[in-house]
Amino acid sequence: MKNVRALVMLVIAAVAGLGAVALASRWMLEKSSGSTAKVAVAAVDINLGQRLNPEFIKMVDWPSGSLPPGAFVDAQKLDGRVMKTSVLRGEPILDGKLTPLGTQGGLSAVIAEGHRAITVRVNDVIGVAGFALPGNYVDIIVSTQQDKGNKGSAGNTDDSISKIVLEKILVLAVAQEVGRDETKPKVVNAVTLEVTPEQAEKLDLARSVGTLSLVLRNQVDTVVAPTIGVTKATLLGEKAAPEVAPVKPVRTHYVARRTAAPRDCIGVLSGVLSSEECF
């Protein structure tokens, strides 16, 4: 009898233990499922200017306590939106990386407000051997001829000059590509730059009066270095010829000789000597 009672107690304890384990496991699952949320991320690498569609987006679990600001929990809200920057596969798609609602796709969607896009022809040398890629910053150098009235006072007959005319210009695209994630050089025949309207006027005039060159600069370098340009004389260290002071004409003063007024004269005889006395 005692053995039966002990066996019953063991069965009851086992059932209670299994029930407690099941309840604890269920509670843990419920708590774990409640700490995550579905977030829209890029299913593939997406370049700036591309219009989103369901093929570019996938929903993944993300810890609820560390949701990125601007993240989307509904993929339908991203349909038709245009990327303002490039994103990599698996990266959350945030509102700050999208252009405003209603924006059409393409390069025009990524031009900053108040700026313009202008394309200039380049070659493998001017294009910094293909290292001027979308997202980089460049300076613009123009090599041209000075106006005749702008020559130095030294009378230098060589009027060639090279000067930086624009600094820290953003490269939007090279040829037809706007992706910013590749680092391999690409030799192309055209580069599209983002400029202000005033800079666009300067650049258009510069390419019409001389030869343009791109100078690649550090992306975080914001220092502006104004220059006066380089001529052949300053490049070779030639000394300027000394200035010759103009010769001033010498003025000659003439003094008019006054004619003596006529006087009365008489002859005087003194013995054998004679003389003349005037009054």
Protein backbone atom coordinates (compact mmCIF):
# COMPACT_ATOMS: atom_id res chain seq x y z
CA MET A 1 0.00 0.00 0.00
CA LYS A 2 2.79 2.35 0.87
CA ASN A 3 4.55 1.56 -2.40
CA VAL A 4 1.44 2.42 -4.40
CA ARG A 5 1.05 5.71 -2.59
CA ALA A 6 4.70 6.60 -3.24
CA LEU A 7 4.29 5.69 -6.91
CA VAL A 8 1.25 7.92 -7.20
CA MET A 9 3.11 10.78 -5.63
CA LEU A 10 6.00 10.32 -8.07
CA VAL A 11 3.60 10.36 -11.04
CA ILE A 12 1.91 13.50 -9.74
CA ALA A 13 5.29 15.22 -9.23
CA ALA A 14 6.41 14.26 -12.74
CA VAL A 15 3.22 15.59 -14.30
CA ALA A 16 3.50 18.81 -12.32
CA GLY A 17 7.14 19.19 -13.39
CA LEU A 18 6.30 18.63 -17.04
CA GLY A 19 3.47 21.14 -16.78
CA ALA A 20 5.77 23.72 -15.22
CA VAL A 21 8.34 23.18 -17.98
CA ALA A 22 5.66 23.55 -20.66
CA LEU A 23 4.30 26.71 -19.10
CA ALA A 24 7.79 28.20 -18.72
CA SER A 25 8.67 27.32 -22.30
CA ARG A 26 5.45 28.85 -23.58
CA TRP A 27 6.07 32.00 -21.55
CA MET A 28 9.61 32.29 -22.87
CA LEU A 29 8.41 31.90 -26.46
CA GLU A 30 5.74 34.53 -26.02
CA LYS A 31 8.21 36.93 -24.44
CA SER A 32 10.82 36.28 -27.15
CA SER A 33 8.33 36.80 -29.99
CA GLY A 34 7.15 40.04 -28.44
CA SER A 35 10.69 41.56 -28.31
CA THR A 36 11.19 41.62 -32.09
CA ALA A 37 9.53 43.46 -34.94
CA LYS A 38 9.54 43.11 -38.71
CA VAL A 39 11.75 45.72 -40.42
CA ALA A 40 12.21 46.39 -44.14
CA VAL A 41 15.77 45.86 -45.37
CA ALA A 42 17.38 45.80 -48.81
CA ALA A 43 17.16 42.38 -50.45
CA VAL A 44 19.90 43.39 -52.95
CA ASP A 45 22.38 46.23 -53.35
CA ILE A 46 20.43 49.36 -54.35
CA ASN A 47 22.03 52.38 -56.00
CA LEU A 48 20.94 55.96 -55.50
CA GLY A 49 18.22 57.14 -57.86
CA GLN A 50 16.62 53.70 -58.16
CA ARG A 51 12.89 53.28 -57.67
CA LEU A 52 11.95 50.63 -55.11
CA ASN A 53 9.71 47.67 -55.84
CA PRO A 54 8.89 44.48 -53.88
CA GLU A 55 11.90 42.68 -55.41
CA PHE A 56 14.27 45.10 -53.66
CA ILE A 57 12.74 44.69 -50.17
CA LYS A 58 12.47 41.91 -47.61
CA MET A 59 11.17 41.87 -44.04
CA VAL A 60 13.40 40.58 -41.24
CA ASP A 61 13.11 40.31 -37.47
CA TRP A 62 14.72 43.17 -35.60
CA PRO A 63 15.00 43.70 -31.82
CA SER A 64 12.21 46.02 -30.78
CA GLY A 65 14.44 47.91 -28.39
CA SER A 66 16.96 48.87 -31.08
CA LEU A 67 14.84 49.80 -34.09
CA PRO A 68 16.71 52.38 -36.25
CA PRO A 69 14.98 55.77 -36.41
CA GLY A 70 13.00 56.05 -39.64
CA ALA A 71 12.80 52.30 -40.23
CA PHE A 72 9.75 50.90 -42.05
CA VAL A 73 7.67 48.06 -40.62
CA ASP A 74 5.34 48.00 -43.64
CA ALA A 75 6.94 47.14 -47.00
CA GLN A 76 3.99 48.56 -48.95
CA LYS A 77 4.90 52.08 -47.85
CA LEU A 78 8.19 51.74 -49.75
CA ASP A 79 6.69 50.77 -53.08
CA GLY A 80 7.58 53.43 -55.68
CA ARG A 81 9.90 55.42 -53.41
CA VAL A 82 13.28 56.54 -54.78
CA MET A 83 16.62 56.07 -53.05
CA LYS A 84 18.61 59.21 -52.25
CA THR A 85 21.73 57.24 -51.28
CA SER A 86 23.03 53.77 -51.98
CA VAL A 87 22.30 50.89 -49.59
CA LEU A 88 23.82 47.43 -49.33
CA ARG A 89 22.02 44.11 -49.07
CA GLY A 90 20.68 43.54 -45.57
CA GLU A 91 20.87 47.24 -44.65
CA PRO A 92 17.67 48.78 -43.20
CA ILE A 93 15.89 51.18 -45.54
CA LEU A 94 15.40 54.40 -43.60
CA ASP A 95 13.24 57.39 -44.37
CA GLY A 96 16.29 59.68 -44.41
CA LYS A 97 17.71 57.70 -47.34
CA LEU A 98 14.64 58.28 -49.50
CA THR A 99 13.66 61.23 -51.65
CA PRO A 100 10.37 63.05 -50.92
CA LEU A 101 7.11 61.41 -51.95
CA GLY A 102 6.25 61.88 -55.59
CA THR A 103 9.85 62.16 -56.75
CA GLN A 104 10.59 60.47 -60.04
CA GLY A 105 13.55 58.14 -60.32
CA GLY A 106 16.85 58.87 -62.00
CA LEU A 107 19.74 61.23 -61.43
CA SER A 108 17.53 64.29 -60.97
CA ALA A 109 16.12 62.74 -57.80
CA VAL A 110 19.48 62.87 -56.01
CA ILE A 111 20.45 66.45 -56.85
CA ALA A 112 20.49 68.53 -53.67
CA GLU A 113 18.02 71.37 -53.37
CA GLY A 114 19.35 74.56 -54.96
CA HIS A 115 21.99 72.69 -56.98
CA ARG A 116 22.33 71.64 -60.60
CA ALA A 117 24.00 68.79 -62.49
CA ILE A 118 26.42 69.55 -65.31
CA THR A 119 28.42 67.09 -67.41
CA VAL A 120 31.95 67.73 -68.65
CA ARG A 121 34.01 65.67 -71.08
CA VAL A 122 37.12 64.01 -69.65
CA ASN A 123 39.78 61.53 -70.66
CA ASP A 124 41.91 59.07 -68.72
CA VAL A 125 44.22 61.88 -67.56
CA ILE A 126 41.64 64.56 -66.83
CA GLY A 127 39.42 62.00 -65.07
CA VAL A 128 42.19 61.26 -62.52
CA ALA A 129 42.90 57.91 -64.19
CA GLY A 130 39.35 56.78 -63.50
CA PHE A 131 39.47 57.31 -59.73
CA ALA A 132 36.94 60.17 -59.79
CA LEU A 133 33.97 57.98 -58.83
CA PRO A 134 30.41 58.90 -57.83
CA GLY A 135 30.41 60.28 -54.30
CA ASN A 136 33.97 61.66 -54.52
CA TYR A 137 34.87 65.35 -54.40
CA VAL A 138 37.12 67.08 -56.91
CA ASP A 139 38.61 70.50 -57.63
CA ILE A 140 38.47 71.97 -61.12
CA ILE A 141 41.58 73.44 -62.77
CA VAL A 142 41.41 75.46 -65.99
CA SER A 143 44.44 76.03 -68.21
CA THR A 144 43.90 79.04 -70.45
CA GLN A 145 45.41 82.25 -71.82
CA GLN A 146 45.28 85.52 -69.90
CA ASP A 147 43.76 88.57 -71.47
CA LYS A 148 46.26 91.04 -72.87
CA GLY A 149 45.29 93.61 -70.28
CA ASN A 150 45.95 91.19 -67.40
CA LYS A 151 49.67 90.59 -68.07
CA GLY A 152 52.14 91.44 -65.38
CA SER A 153 54.02 94.68 -65.31
CA ALA A 154 57.23 92.80 -66.05
CA GLY A 155 56.23 92.68 -69.69
CA ASN A 156 56.17 88.86 -69.86
CA THR A 157 55.12 87.76 -73.33
CA ASP A 158 53.85 84.31 -72.20
CA ASP A 159 50.23 84.71 -71.07
CA SER A 160 49.44 81.02 -70.24
CA ILE A 161 47.98 80.36 -66.78
CA SER A 162 46.56 77.43 -64.80
CA LYS A 163 44.25 78.10 -61.87
CA ILE A 164 41.81 76.28 -59.59
CA VAL A 165 38.42 77.81 -60.30
CA LEU A 166 36.10 75.49 -58.31
CA GLU A 167 36.71 73.50 -55.12
CA LYS A 168 34.99 70.53 -53.42
CA ILE A 169 32.64 69.63 -56.26
CA LEU A 170 30.61 66.43 -55.79
CA VAL A 171 30.79 63.81 -58.54
CA LEU A 172 27.25 62.56 -59.13
CA ALA A 173 27.94 60.09 -61.91
CA VAL A 174 30.63 58.83 -64.25
CA ALA A 175 29.33 58.13 -67.74
CA GLN A 176 25.94 56.46 -67.11
CA GLU A 177 26.69 55.00 -63.69
CA VAL A 178 25.72 56.59 -60.37
CA GLY A 179 26.61 53.80 -57.94
CA ARG A 180 28.81 55.00 -55.06
CA ASP A 181 29.92 51.69 -53.55
CA GLU A 182 32.54 50.55 -56.04
CA THR A 183 36.16 51.60 -55.60
CA LYS A 184 37.67 50.25 -58.82
CA PRO A 185 38.79 52.98 -61.25
CA LYS A 186 36.68 53.49 -64.37
CA VAL A 187 38.05 55.33 -67.38
CA VAL A 188 35.11 57.16 -68.92
CA ASN A 189 34.57 60.05 -71.31
CA ALA A 190 32.19 62.15 -69.22
CA VAL A 191 31.70 63.10 -65.57
CA THR A 192 28.55 64.63 -64.10
CA LEU A 193 29.11 67.14 -61.29
CA GLU A 194 26.77 68.73 -58.73
CA VAL A 195 27.19 72.51 -58.65
CA THR A 196 25.34 75.64 -57.67
CA PRO A 197 23.96 77.87 -60.47
CA GLU A 198 26.89 80.27 -60.06
CA GLN A 199 29.39 77.41 -60.19
CA ALA A 200 27.66 76.06 -63.30
CA GLU A 201 28.24 79.39 -65.05
CA LYS A 202 31.93 79.42 -64.05
CA LEU A 203 32.41 75.83 -65.19
CA ASP A 204 30.70 76.42 -68.52
CA LEU A 205 32.88 79.46 -69.20
CA ALA A 206 36.04 77.65 -68.05
CA ARG A 207 35.56 74.75 -70.46
CA SER A 208 34.94 77.17 -73.33
CA VAL A 209 38.10 79.25 -72.78
CA GLY A 210 40.58 76.52 -71.86
CA THR A 211 41.28 72.93 -70.88
CA LEU A 212 39.75 71.43 -67.72
CA SER A 213 41.40 69.01 -65.30
CA LEU A 214 39.96 67.26 -62.24
CA VAL A 215 41.90 67.12 -58.97
CA LEU A 216 40.74 64.40 -56.57
CA ARG A 217 40.50 65.50 -52.92
CA ASN A 218 39.81 63.91 -49.55
CA GLN A 219 36.09 63.45 -48.92
CA VAL A 220 36.25 64.94 -45.42
CA ASP A 221 38.60 67.81 -46.30
CA THR A 222 36.64 71.07 -46.17
CA VAL A 223 39.56 73.51 -46.24
CA VAL A 224 39.34 76.07 -49.03
CA ALA A 225 42.75 77.00 -50.45
CA PRO A 226 42.47 80.11 -52.65
CA THR A 227 45.27 80.45 -55.19
CA ILE A 228 46.41 83.12 -57.64
CA GLY A 229 47.24 80.68 -60.41
CA VAL A 230 50.54 79.67 -61.97
CA THR A 231 52.14 81.12 -65.09
CA LYS A 232 55.22 79.93 -66.95
CA ALA A 233 57.34 82.61 -65.28
CA THR A 234 56.34 81.57 -61.75
CA LEU A 235 56.58 77.87 -62.65
CA LEU A 236 60.17 78.15 -63.86
CA GLY A 237 61.19 80.69 -61.24
CA GLU A 238 62.12 83.35 -63.79
CA LYS A 239 63.02 86.78 -62.40
CA ALA A 240 61.01 89.67 -63.61
CA ALA A 241 62.87 92.19 -65.74
CA PRO A 242 63.56 95.46 -63.89
CA GLU A 243 61.24 98.25 -64.72
CA VAL A 244 62.74 101.15 -66.62
CA ALA A 245 61.57 104.53 -65.44
CA PRO A 246 60.28 106.68 -68.27
CA VAL A 247 62.62 109.51 -69.34
CA LYS A 248 61.18 112.87 -68.55
CA PRO A 249 61.78 115.58 -71.15
CA VAL A 250 64.25 118.27 -70.03
CA ARG A 251 62.85 121.71 -70.22
CA THR A 252 65.32 124.42 -71.40
CA HIS A 253 64.78 127.92 -70.15
CA TYR A 254 65.92 130.70 -72.46
CA VAL A 255 66.80 134.16 -71.05
CA ALA A 256 66.16 136.97 -73.48
CA ARG A 257 69.13 139.38 -73.79
CA ARG A 258 68.05 142.91 -73.32
CA THR A 259 69.49 145.51 -75.72
CA ALA A 260 71.10 148.46 -73.98
CA ALA A 261 69.28 151.71 -74.47
CA PRO A 262 71.10 154.19 -76.76
CA ARG A 263 73.15 156.92 -74.97
CA ASP A 264 74.65 160.28 -75.99
CA CYS A 265 78.40 160.16 -76.68
CA ILE A 266 80.98 162.97 -77.40
CA GLY A 267 84.62 162.88 -78.47
CA VAL A 268 87.31 164.24 -76.10
CA LEU A 269 90.81 165.36 -77.31
CA SER A 270 93.62 165.42 -74.78
CA GLY A 271 96.83 166.37 -76.51
CA VAL A 272 97.51 163.72 -79.10
CA LEU A 273 95.08 161.25 -77.40
CA SER A 274 91.39 161.00 -78.19
CA SER A 275 88.59 159.23 -76.30
CA GLU A 276 84.81 158.98 -76.25
CA GLU A 277 82.57 159.75 -73.31
CA CYS A 278 78.95 158.57 -73.22
CA PHE A 279 76.16 159.93 -71.00
